[in-house]
Protein backbone atom coordinates (compact mmCIF):
# COMPACT_ATOMS: atom_id res chain seq x y z
CA UNK A 1 10.40 -10.90 -7.53
CA UNK A 2 6.90 -11.98 -6.26
CA UNK A 3 5.87 -13.11 -2.59
CA UNK A 4 2.85 -15.38 -2.46
CA UNK A 5 0.01 -14.52 -0.02
CA UNK A 6 -2.04 -16.96 1.47
CA UNK A 7 -4.34 -18.46 -0.90
CA UNK A 8 -8.09 -17.26 -0.29
CA UNK A 9 -11.54 -17.67 -1.88
CA UNK A 10 -12.46 -14.33 -0.34
CA UNK A 11 -15.05 -13.00 -3.11
CA UNK A 12 -15.68 -9.33 -3.98
CA UNK A 13 -18.65 -7.84 -6.07
CA UNK A 14 -16.11 -7.83 -8.89
CA UNK A 15 -15.03 -11.85 -8.10
CA UNK A 16 -12.37 -13.69 -6.30
CA UNK A 17 -9.69 -11.43 -4.54
CA UNK A 18 -7.27 -13.95 -5.47
CA UNK A 19 -7.73 -13.03 -9.23
CA UNK A 20 -7.84 -9.08 -8.67
CA UNK A 21 -4.90 -6.57 -9.07
CA UNK A 22 -4.86 -3.81 -6.52
CA UNK A 23 -2.22 -1.33 -5.00
CA UNK A 24 -1.60 -0.98 -1.26
CA UNK A 25 -0.71 2.42 0.00
CA UNK A 26 0.97 3.04 3.37
CA UNK A 27 2.17 6.42 4.56
CA UNK A 28 4.04 7.57 7.68
CA UNK A 29 3.49 10.73 9.80
CA UNK A 30 4.76 12.57 12.62
CA UNK A 31 1.70 11.91 14.73
CA UNK A 32 -1.96 11.43 14.71
CA UNK A 33 -3.08 15.12 15.32
CA UNK A 34 -4.37 16.13 11.63
CA UNK A 35 -4.17 19.85 12.75
CA UNK A 36 -0.33 19.72 13.61
CA UNK A 37 1.39 16.70 12.19
CA UNK A 38 2.45 16.03 8.72
CA UNK A 39 2.89 13.00 6.37
CA UNK A 40 6.54 12.49 5.98
CA UNK A 41 6.63 9.24 3.56
CA UNK A 42 4.30 7.44 1.16
CA UNK A 43 4.74 4.01 -0.22
CA UNK A 44 2.90 1.66 -2.53
CA UNK A 45 3.15 -1.87 -3.85
CA UNK A 46 1.06 -3.84 -6.33
CA UNK A 47 -0.80 -7.00 -5.43
CA UNK A 48 -1.83 -9.38 -8.24
CA UNK A 49 -3.13 -13.02 -8.03
CA UNK A 50 -2.44 -13.10 -4.27
CA UNK A 51 1.11 -12.14 -4.92
CA UNK A 52 3.04 -9.07 -3.81
CA UNK A 53 4.98 -7.62 -6.93
CA UNK A 54 8.18 -6.10 -5.81
CA UNK A 55 9.16 -4.86 -9.24
CA UNK A 56 5.92 -2.74 -9.07
CA UNK A 57 6.66 -0.32 -6.00
CA UNK A 58 6.63 3.32 -5.37
CA UNK A 59 8.44 5.25 -2.43
CA UNK A 60 8.75 8.98 -1.72
CA UNK A 61 9.93 10.94 1.41
CA UNK A 62 8.36 14.38 1.57
CA UNK A 63 9.86 17.66 2.86
CA UNK A 64 8.03 18.91 5.53
CA UNK A 65 8.03 22.41 7.11
CA UNK A 66 8.46 21.98 11.07
CA UNK A 67 5.58 24.07 12.91
């Protein structure tokens, strides 16, 4: 399944963003303090030609050790 993003003529040094393929990453953490908080999940989705490619995704929940 593909979701269409807003059409854009935004240009990068490699060309139009609407013609690029890239991956968007997201993570969830237990907080914002890098010394004590931990990442608990990671996700990624591919974007190509202004479309989110829902068939090309990754997600993982991480096992964390409590402090």
